[in-house]
Amino acid sequence: MPKISITTQDIARGYEKRPSIADYLPWKDYNHKHKLFLLEDGKSLGVCFEVKPIACEARPVEMMDAIMRSIAEALKNAIPLEK
């Protein structure tokens, strides 16, 4: 087995700040009350979700369909369509 050596520079590089996807998103402001982002055009709204995996081993297809429908409904209702 080959010997692996790690340098101080390797460790320092691991702690460097990486670019964030948030720097590339077109948001302008955040409304804490409604938990919505106002986008750069001043009209469009956005919302963020925390995505976590769901165990699906040995679950019946009907249960997975029900989970899929509930997630789709949550996404559809996340931002109200009224002004």
PDB file of N, CA and C in Angstrom:
ATOM      1  N   MET A   1       0.843  -1.175   0.000  1.00  0.00           N
ATOM      2  CA  MET A   1       0.000   0.000   0.000  1.00  0.00           C
ATOM      3  C   MET A   1       0.894   1.247   0.000  1.00  0.00           C
ATOM      4  N   PRO A   2       0.660   2.194  -0.943  1.00  0.00           N
ATOM      5  CA  PRO A   2       1.520   3.379  -1.010  1.00  0.00           C
ATOM      6  C   PRO A   2       1.281   4.307   0.179  1.00  0.00           C
ATOM      7  N   LYS A   3       2.333   4.965   0.587  1.00  0.00           N
ATOM      8  CA  LYS A   3       2.251   5.917   1.689  1.00  0.00           C
ATOM      9  C   LYS A   3       1.739   7.258   1.158  1.00  0.00           C
ATOM     10  N   ILE A   4       0.762   7.825   1.823  1.00  0.00           N
ATOM     11  CA  ILE A   4       0.178   9.105   1.418  1.00  0.00           C
ATOM     12  C   ILE A   4       0.614  10.163   2.420  1.00  0.00           C
ATOM     13  N   SER A   5       1.159  11.257   1.911  1.00  0.00           N
ATOM     14  CA  SER A   5       1.547  12.337   2.819  1.00  0.00           C
ATOM     15  C   SER A   5       0.680  13.560   2.540  1.00  0.00           C
ATOM     16  N   ILE A   6       0.247  14.163   3.614  1.00  0.00           N
ATOM     17  CA  ILE A   6      -0.597  15.353   3.526  1.00  0.00           C
ATOM     18  C   ILE A   6       0.211  16.525   4.055  1.00  0.00           C
ATOM     19  N   THR A   7       0.254  17.590   3.265  1.00  0.00           N
ATOM     20  CA  THR A   7       1.027  18.767   3.657  1.00  0.00           C
ATOM     21  C   THR A   7       0.140  19.782   4.357  1.00  0.00           C
ATOM     22  N   THR A   8       0.782  20.743   4.987  1.00  0.00           N
ATOM     23  CA  THR A   8       0.055  21.845   5.630  1.00  0.00           C
ATOM     24  C   THR A   8      -0.760  22.613   4.593  1.00  0.00           C
ATOM     25  N   GLN A   9      -0.220  22.750   3.395  1.00  0.00           N
ATOM     26  CA  GLN A   9      -0.938  23.440   2.323  1.00  0.00           C
ATOM     27  C   GLN A   9      -2.199  22.670   1.924  1.00  0.00           C
ATOM     28  N   ASP A  10      -2.125  21.340   1.927  1.00  0.00           N
ATOM     29  CA  ASP A  10      -3.310  20.525   1.619  1.00  0.00           C
ATOM     30  C   ASP A  10      -4.410  20.784   2.639  1.00  0.00           C
ATOM     31  N   ILE A  11      -4.031  20.845   3.900  1.00  0.00           N
ATOM     32  CA  ILE A  11      -5.009  21.088   4.972  1.00  0.00           C
ATOM     33  C   ILE A  11      -5.579  22.490   4.849  1.00  0.00           C
ATOM     34  N   ALA A  12      -4.722  23.485   4.608  1.00  0.00           N
ATOM     35  CA  ALA A  12      -5.195  24.876   4.462  1.00  0.00           C
ATOM     36  C   ALA A  12      -6.148  25.001   3.289  1.00  0.00           C
ATOM     37  N   ARG A  13      -5.859  24.304   2.183  1.00  0.00           N
ATOM     38  CA  ARG A  13      -6.731  24.347   1.012  1.00  0.00           C
ATOM     39  C   ARG A  13      -8.117  23.791   1.338  1.00  0.00           C
ATOM     40  N   GLY A  14      -8.194  22.837   2.235  1.00  0.00           N
ATOM     41  CA  GLY A  14      -9.485  22.270   2.636  1.00  0.00           C
ATOM     42  C   GLY A  14     -10.360  23.255   3.397  1.00  0.00           C
ATOM     43  N   TYR A  15      -9.740  24.272   4.011  1.00  0.00           N
ATOM     44  CA  TYR A  15     -10.497  25.259   4.769  1.00  0.00           C
ATOM     45  C   TYR A  15     -10.774  26.546   3.990  1.00  0.00           C
ATOM     46  N   GLU A  16     -10.318  26.617   2.747  1.00  0.00           N
ATOM     47  CA  GLU A  16     -10.568  27.808   1.942  1.00  0.00           C
ATOM     48  C   GLU A  16     -12.056  27.964   1.660  1.00  0.00           C
ATOM     49  N   LYS A  17     -12.497  29.211   1.582  1.00  0.00           N
ATOM     50  CA  LYS A  17     -13.896  29.481   1.263  1.00  0.00           C
ATOM     51  C   LYS A  17     -14.136  29.175  -0.208  1.00  0.00           C
ATOM     52  N   ARG A  18     -15.134  28.383  -0.467  1.00  0.00           N
ATOM     53  CA  ARG A  18     -15.477  28.008  -1.834  1.00  0.00           C
ATOM     54  C   ARG A  18     -16.592  28.935  -2.337  1.00  0.00           C
ATOM     55  N   PRO A  19     -16.702  29.102  -3.646  1.00  0.00           N
ATOM     56  CA  PRO A  19     -17.819  29.894  -4.176  1.00  0.00           C
ATOM     57  C   PRO A  19     -19.152  29.240  -3.789  1.00  0.00           C
ATOM     58  N   SER A  20     -20.129  30.069  -3.496  1.00  0.00           N
ATOM     59  CA  SER A  20     -21.447  29.576  -3.104  1.00  0.00           C
ATOM     60  C   SER A  20     -22.418  29.737  -4.261  1.00  0.00           C
ATOM     61  N   ILE A  21     -23.321  28.791  -4.413  1.00  0.00           N
ATOM     62  CA  ILE A  21     -24.357  28.908  -5.441  1.00  0.00           C
ATOM     63  C   ILE A  21     -25.233  30.131  -5.165  1.00  0.00           C
ATOM     64  N   ALA A  22     -25.326  30.522  -3.905  1.00  0.00           N
ATOM     65  CA  ALA A  22     -26.138  31.685  -3.540  1.00  0.00           C
ATOM     66  C   ALA A  22     -25.646  32.956  -4.227  1.00  0.00           C
ATOM     67  N   ASP A  23     -24.347  33.010  -4.543  1.00  0.00           N
ATOM     68  CA  ASP A  23     -23.800  34.183  -5.227  1.00  0.00           C
ATOM     69  C   ASP A  23     -24.304  34.315  -6.664  1.00  0.00           C
ATOM     70  N   TYR A  24     -24.819  33.239  -7.223  1.00  0.00           N
ATOM     71  CA  TYR A  24     -25.265  33.236  -8.617  1.00  0.00           C
ATOM     72  C   TYR A  24     -26.786  33.315  -8.755  1.00  0.00           C
ATOM     73  N   LEU A  25     -27.504  33.269  -7.656  1.00  0.00           N
ATOM     74  CA  LEU A  25     -28.965  33.303  -7.722  1.00  0.00           C
ATOM     75  C   LEU A  25     -29.455  34.738  -7.848  1.00  0.00           C
ATOM     76  N   PRO A  26     -30.542  34.943  -8.589  1.00  0.00           N
ATOM     77  CA  PRO A  26     -31.001  36.305  -8.891  1.00  0.00           C
ATOM     78  C   PRO A  26     -31.939  36.893  -7.835  1.00  0.00           C
ATOM     79  N   TRP A  27     -31.614  36.757  -6.548  1.00  0.00           N
ATOM     80  CA  TRP A  27     -32.533  37.334  -5.583  1.00  0.00           C
ATOM     81  C   TRP A  27     -32.111  38.727  -5.166  1.00  0.00           C
ATOM     82  N   LYS A  28     -33.115  39.479  -4.754  1.00  0.00           N
ATOM     83  CA  LYS A  28     -32.906  40.867  -4.378  1.00  0.00           C
ATOM     84  C   LYS A  28     -33.160  41.070  -2.884  1.00  0.00           C
ATOM     85  N   ASP A  29     -34.188  40.383  -2.350  1.00  0.00           N
ATOM     86  CA  ASP A  29     -34.582  40.582  -0.952  1.00  0.00           C
ATOM     87  C   ASP A  29     -35.257  39.312  -0.435  1.00  0.00           C
ATOM     88  N   TYR A  30     -35.386  39.216   0.885  1.00  0.00           N
ATOM     89  CA  TYR A  30     -36.059  38.075   1.512  1.00  0.00           C
ATOM     90  C   TYR A  30     -37.099  38.596   2.483  1.00  0.00           C
ATOM     91  N   ASN A  31     -38.314  38.039   2.424  1.00  0.00           N
ATOM     92  CA  ASN A  31     -39.396  38.412   3.322  1.00  0.00           C
ATOM     93  C   ASN A  31     -39.513  37.321   4.386  1.00  0.00           C
ATOM     94  N   HIS A  32     -39.123  37.652   5.626  1.00  0.00           N
ATOM     95  CA  HIS A  32     -39.136  36.665   6.712  1.00  0.00           C
ATOM     96  C   HIS A  32     -40.552  36.246   7.084  1.00  0.00           C
ATOM     97  N   LYS A  33     -41.490  37.173   7.005  1.00  0.00           N
ATOM     98  CA  LYS A  33     -42.870  36.863   7.384  1.00  0.00           C
ATOM     99  C   LYS A  33     -43.461  35.775   6.478  1.00  0.00           C
ATOM    100  N   HIS A  34     -43.261  35.923   5.183  1.00  0.00           N
ATOM    101  CA  HIS A  34     -43.840  34.986   4.226  1.00  0.00           C
ATOM    102  C   HIS A  34     -42.846  33.921   3.750  1.00  0.00           C
ATOM    103  N   LYS A  35     -41.578  34.057   4.182  1.00  0.00           N
ATOM    104  CA  LYS A  35     -40.513  33.115   3.808  1.00  0.00           C
ATOM    105  C   LYS A  35     -40.377  32.990   2.288  1.00  0.00           C
ATOM    106  N   LEU A  36     -40.329  34.155   1.619  1.00  0.00           N
ATOM    107  CA  LEU A  36     -40.211  34.216   0.160  1.00  0.00           C
ATOM    108  C   LEU A  36     -39.055  35.118  -0.235  1.00  0.00           C
ATOM    109  N   PHE A  37     -38.445  34.815  -1.360  1.00  0.00           N
ATOM    110  CA  PHE A  37     -37.406  35.655  -1.937  1.00  0.00           C
ATOM    111  C   PHE A  37     -38.011  36.511  -3.035  1.00  0.00           C
ATOM    112  N   LEU A  38     -37.663  37.786  -3.065  1.00  0.00           N
ATOM    113  CA  LEU A  38     -38.020  38.673  -4.166  1.00  0.00           C
ATOM    114  C   LEU A  38     -36.856  38.624  -5.138  1.00  0.00           C
ATOM    115  N   LEU A  39     -37.142  38.329  -6.395  1.00  0.00           N
ATOM    116  CA  LEU A  39     -36.082  38.206  -7.390  1.00  0.00           C
ATOM    117  C   LEU A  39     -35.741  39.554  -8.010  1.00  0.00           C
ATOM    118  N   GLU A  40     -34.671  39.582  -8.771  1.00  0.00           N
ATOM    119  CA  GLU A  40     -34.129  40.839  -9.300  1.00  0.00           C
ATOM    120  C   GLU A  40     -35.093  41.628 -10.158  1.00  0.00           C
ATOM    121  N   ASP A  41     -36.066  40.976 -10.805  1.00  0.00           N
ATOM    122  CA  ASP A  41     -36.993  41.719 -11.655  1.00  0.00           C
ATOM    123  C   ASP A  41     -38.003  42.515 -10.832  1.00  0.00           C
ATOM    124  N   GLY A  42     -38.013  42.331  -9.506  1.00  0.00           N
ATOM    125  CA  GLY A  42     -38.915  43.079  -8.632  1.00  0.00           C
ATOM    126  C   GLY A  42     -40.336  42.562  -8.617  1.00  0.00           C
ATOM    127  N   LYS A  43     -40.641  41.517  -9.392  1.00  0.00           N
ATOM    128  CA  LYS A  43     -41.998  40.968  -9.470  1.00  0.00           C
ATOM    129  C   LYS A  43     -42.041  39.492  -9.075  1.00  0.00           C
ATOM    130  N   SER A  44     -41.047  38.741  -9.517  1.00  0.00           N
ATOM    131  CA  SER A  44     -41.053  37.287  -9.314  1.00  0.00           C
ATOM    132  C   SER A  44     -40.660  36.928  -7.889  1.00  0.00           C
ATOM    133  N   LEU A  45     -41.247  35.837  -7.407  1.00  0.00           N
ATOM    134  CA  LEU A  45     -40.958  35.339  -6.073  1.00  0.00           C
ATOM    135  C   LEU A  45     -40.323  33.962  -6.168  1.00  0.00           C
ATOM    136  N   GLY A  46     -39.523  33.639  -5.166  1.00  0.00           N
ATOM    137  CA  GLY A  46     -38.898  32.327  -5.106  1.00  0.00           C
ATOM    138  C   GLY A  46     -38.980  31.778  -3.699  1.00  0.00           C
ATOM    139  N   VAL A  47     -38.818  30.481  -3.592  1.00  0.00           N
ATOM    140  CA  VAL A  47     -38.853  29.813  -2.299  1.00  0.00           C
ATOM    141  C   VAL A  47     -37.775  28.730  -2.312  1.00  0.00           C
ATOM    142  N   CYS A  48     -37.212  28.417  -1.152  1.00  0.00           N
ATOM    143  CA  CYS A  48     -36.204  27.356  -1.049  1.00  0.00           C
ATOM    144  C   CYS A  48     -36.765  26.217  -0.219  1.00  0.00           C
ATOM    145  N   PHE A  49     -36.326  25.031  -0.541  1.00  0.00           N
ATOM    146  CA  PHE A  49     -36.733  23.838   0.181  1.00  0.00           C
ATOM    147  C   PHE A  49     -35.505  23.111   0.669  1.00  0.00           C
ATOM    148  N   GLU A  50     -35.622  22.497   1.823  1.00  0.00           N
ATOM    149  CA  GLU A  50     -34.580  21.600   2.291  1.00  0.00           C
ATOM    150  C   GLU A  50     -34.970  20.205   1.807  1.00  0.00           C
ATOM    151  N   VAL A  51     -34.098  19.597   1.040  1.00  0.00           N
ATOM    152  CA  VAL A  51     -34.403  18.301   0.449  1.00  0.00           C
ATOM    153  C   VAL A  51     -33.667  17.217   1.232  1.00  0.00           C
ATOM    154  N   LYS A  52     -34.418  16.242   1.692  1.00  0.00           N
ATOM    155  CA  LYS A  52     -33.837  15.115   2.419  1.00  0.00           C
ATOM    156  C   LYS A  52     -34.270  13.829   1.725  1.00  0.00           C
ATOM    157  N   PRO A  53     -33.386  12.861   1.668  1.00  0.00           N
ATOM    158  CA  PRO A  53     -33.759  11.599   1.030  1.00  0.00           C
ATOM    159  C   PRO A  53     -34.810  10.847   1.843  1.00  0.00           C
ATOM    160  N   ILE A  54     -35.632  10.101   1.150  1.00  0.00           N
ATOM    161  CA  ILE A  54     -36.653   9.268   1.790  1.00  0.00           C
ATOM    162  C   ILE A  54     -36.297   7.817   1.514  1.00  0.00           C
ATOM    163  N   ALA A  55     -36.238   7.033   2.565  1.00  0.00           N
ATOM    164  CA  ALA A  55     -35.939   5.612   2.377  1.00  0.00           C
ATOM    165  C   ALA A  55     -37.070   4.969   1.582  1.00  0.00           C
ATOM    166  N   CYS A  56     -36.708   4.203   0.570  1.00  0.00           N
ATOM    167  CA  CYS A  56     -37.743   3.600  -0.268  1.00  0.00           C
ATOM    168  C   CYS A  56     -37.609   2.075  -0.349  1.00  0.00           C
ATOM    169  N   GLU A  57     -36.642   1.517   0.346  1.00  0.00           N
ATOM    170  CA  GLU A  57     -36.457   0.075   0.323  1.00  0.00           C
ATOM    171  C   GLU A  57     -37.678  -0.622   0.909  1.00  0.00           C
ATOM    172  N   ALA A  58     -38.177  -1.593   0.211  1.00  0.00           N
ATOM    173  CA  ALA A  58     -39.283  -2.456   0.656  1.00  0.00           C
ATOM    174  C   ALA A  58     -40.585  -1.698   0.902  1.00  0.00           C
ATOM    175  N   ARG A  59     -40.725  -0.528   0.315  1.00  0.00           N
ATOM    176  CA  ARG A  59     -41.998   0.197   0.433  1.00  0.00           C
ATOM    177  C   ARG A  59     -42.844  -0.135  -0.784  1.00  0.00           C
ATOM    178  N   PRO A  60     -44.143  -0.302  -0.579  1.00  0.00           N
ATOM    179  CA  PRO A  60     -45.007  -0.601  -1.729  1.00  0.00           C
ATOM    180  C   PRO A  60     -45.088   0.585  -2.692  1.00  0.00           C
ATOM    181  N   VAL A  61     -45.339   0.275  -3.944  1.00  0.00           N
ATOM    182  CA  VAL A  61     -45.434   1.303  -4.984  1.00  0.00           C
ATOM    183  C   VAL A  61     -46.501   2.331  -4.625  1.00  0.00           C
ATOM    184  N   GLU A  62     -47.607   1.887  -4.047  1.00  0.00           N
ATOM    185  CA  GLU A  62     -48.696   2.805  -3.679  1.00  0.00           C
ATOM    186  C   GLU A  62     -48.217   3.834  -2.658  1.00  0.00           C
ATOM    187  N   MET A  63     -47.395   3.401  -1.711  1.00  0.00           N
ATOM    188  CA  MET A  63     -46.879   4.327  -0.703  1.00  0.00           C
ATOM    189  C   MET A  63     -45.934   5.340  -1.341  1.00  0.00           C
ATOM    190  N   MET A  64     -45.085   4.893  -2.256  1.00  0.00           N
ATOM    191  CA  MET A  64     -44.170   5.801  -2.944  1.00  0.00           C
ATOM    192  C   MET A  64     -44.945   6.795  -3.808  1.00  0.00           C
ATOM    193  N   ASP A  65     -46.028   6.337  -4.443  1.00  0.00           N
ATOM    194  CA  ASP A  65     -46.883   7.245  -5.218  1.00  0.00           C
ATOM    195  C   ASP A  65     -47.513   8.304  -4.315  1.00  0.00           C
ATOM    196  N   ALA A  66     -47.954   7.903  -3.133  1.00  0.00           N
ATOM    197  CA  ALA A  66     -48.565   8.852  -2.190  1.00  0.00           C
ATOM    198  C   ALA A  66     -47.535   9.882  -1.731  1.00  0.00           C
ATOM    199  N   ILE A  67     -46.313   9.449  -1.475  1.00  0.00           N
ATOM    200  CA  ILE A  67     -45.244  10.377  -1.084  1.00  0.00           C
ATOM    201  C   ILE A  67     -44.958  11.351  -2.223  1.00  0.00           C
ATOM    202  N   MET A  68     -44.874  10.828  -3.452  1.00  0.00           N
ATOM    203  CA  MET A  68     -44.629  11.677  -4.613  1.00  0.00           C
ATOM    204  C   MET A  68     -45.735  12.720  -4.784  1.00  0.00           C
ATOM    205  N   ARG A  69     -46.972  12.311  -4.609  1.00  0.00           N
ATOM    206  CA  ARG A  69     -48.097  13.255  -4.751  1.00  0.00           C
ATOM    207  C   ARG A  69     -48.050  14.334  -3.665  1.00  0.00           C
ATOM    208  N   SER A  70     -47.695  13.961  -2.436  1.00  0.00           N
ATOM    209  CA  SER A  70     -47.645  14.956  -1.364  1.00  0.00           C
ATOM    210  C   SER A  70     -46.515  15.960  -1.594  1.00  0.00           C
ATOM    211  N   ILE A  71     -45.382  15.491  -2.117  1.00  0.00           N
ATOM    212  CA  ILE A  71     -44.283  16.414  -2.428  1.00  0.00           C
ATOM    213  C   ILE A  71     -44.678  17.343  -3.573  1.00  0.00           C
ATOM    214  N   ALA A  72     -45.306  16.795  -4.609  1.00  0.00           N
ATOM    215  CA  ALA A  72     -45.746  17.621  -5.744  1.00  0.00           C
ATOM    216  C   ALA A  72     -46.754  18.676  -5.284  1.00  0.00           C
ATOM    217  N   GLU A  73     -47.663  18.298  -4.406  1.00  0.00           N
ATOM    218  CA  GLU A  73     -48.663  19.247  -3.890  1.00  0.00           C
ATOM    219  C   GLU A  73     -47.996  20.339  -3.055  1.00  0.00           C
ATOM    220  N   ALA A  74     -47.019  19.967  -2.241  1.00  0.00           N
ATOM    221  CA  ALA A  74     -46.301  20.965  -1.437  1.00  0.00           C
ATOM    222  C   ALA A  74     -45.573  21.961  -2.327  1.00  0.00           C
ATOM    223  N   LEU A  75     -44.937  21.477  -3.387  1.00  0.00           N
ATOM    224  CA  LEU A  75     -44.251  22.381  -4.315  1.00  0.00           C
ATOM    225  C   LEU A  75     -45.228  23.296  -5.035  1.00  0.00           C
ATOM    226  N   LYS A  76     -46.365  22.741  -5.428  1.00  0.00           N
ATOM    227  CA  LYS A  76     -47.366  23.525  -6.153  1.00  0.00           C
ATOM    228  C   LYS A  76     -47.947  24.634  -5.276  1.00  0.00           C
ATOM    229  N   ASN A  77     -48.082  24.376  -3.970  1.00  0.00           N
ATOM    230  CA  ASN A  77     -48.715  25.347  -3.060  1.00  0.00           C
ATOM    231  C   ASN A  77     -47.714  26.198  -2.296  1.00  0.00           C
ATOM    232  N   ALA A  78     -46.429  26.091  -2.605  1.00  0.00           N
ATOM    233  CA  ALA A  78     -45.403  26.809  -1.848  1.00  0.00           C
ATOM    234  C   ALA A  78     -45.508  28.320  -2.014  1.00  0.00           C
ATOM    235  N   ILE A  79     -45.861  28.752  -3.213  1.00  0.00           N
ATOM    236  CA  ILE A  79     -45.989  30.201  -3.482  1.00  0.00           C
ATOM    237  C   ILE A  79     -47.405  30.457  -3.930  1.00  0.00           C
ATOM    238  N   PRO A  80     -48.117  31.296  -3.181  1.00  0.00           N
ATOM    239  CA  PRO A  80     -49.496  31.597  -3.594  1.00  0.00           C
ATOM    240  C   PRO A  80     -49.526  32.287  -4.950  1.00  0.00           C
ATOM    241  N   LEU A  81     -50.578  32.004  -5.729  1.00  0.00           N
ATOM    242  CA  LEU A  81     -50.695  32.568  -7.065  1.00  0.00           C
ATOM    243  C   LEU A  81     -51.351  33.947  -7.069  1.00  0.00           C
ATOM    244  N   GLU A  82     -51.907  34.362  -5.945  1.00  0.00           N
ATOM    245  CA  GLU A  82     -52.529  35.684  -5.906  1.00  0.00           C
ATOM    246  C   GLU A  82     -51.473  36.759  -5.672  1.00  0.00           C
ATOM    247  N   LYS A  83     -51.792  37.982  -6.029  1.00  0.00           N
ATOM    248  CA  LYS A  83     -50.845  39.092  -5.847  1.00  0.00           C
ATOM    249  C   LYS A  83     -50.895  39.573  -4.416  1.00  0.00           C
TER     250      LYS A  83
END
